[in-house]
């Protein structure tokens, strides 16, 4: 197994350790729960945890996680960019005035 694949597996392990409901297959019933949203929120909060406390993956790869403020700004920037893409006109059309 490659170095990076192993590190990704550790990230999923941390996610399930902090939020056991993410790995609980009995909660993944279609149309009964919004498990996709729960998983996204769990991943986001896990990333916040990593920014504050570090983790095995960052130690193993020899990198330092970003500061929480830097990470939050990056998320905000990406959210703003996605919002601008949704509001942009379709290709080949001029924006309406």
Foldseek 3Di string as FASTA:
>chain_A
DDPVVVLVVVLVVLLCVVPVVLVDPVPPDPPPDPSVVVSVVSSVVSLLVCLVPNDPSCVSVVHHRHHSVVVVVVVVVVVVVVVVVVVDDPPPDDDDD
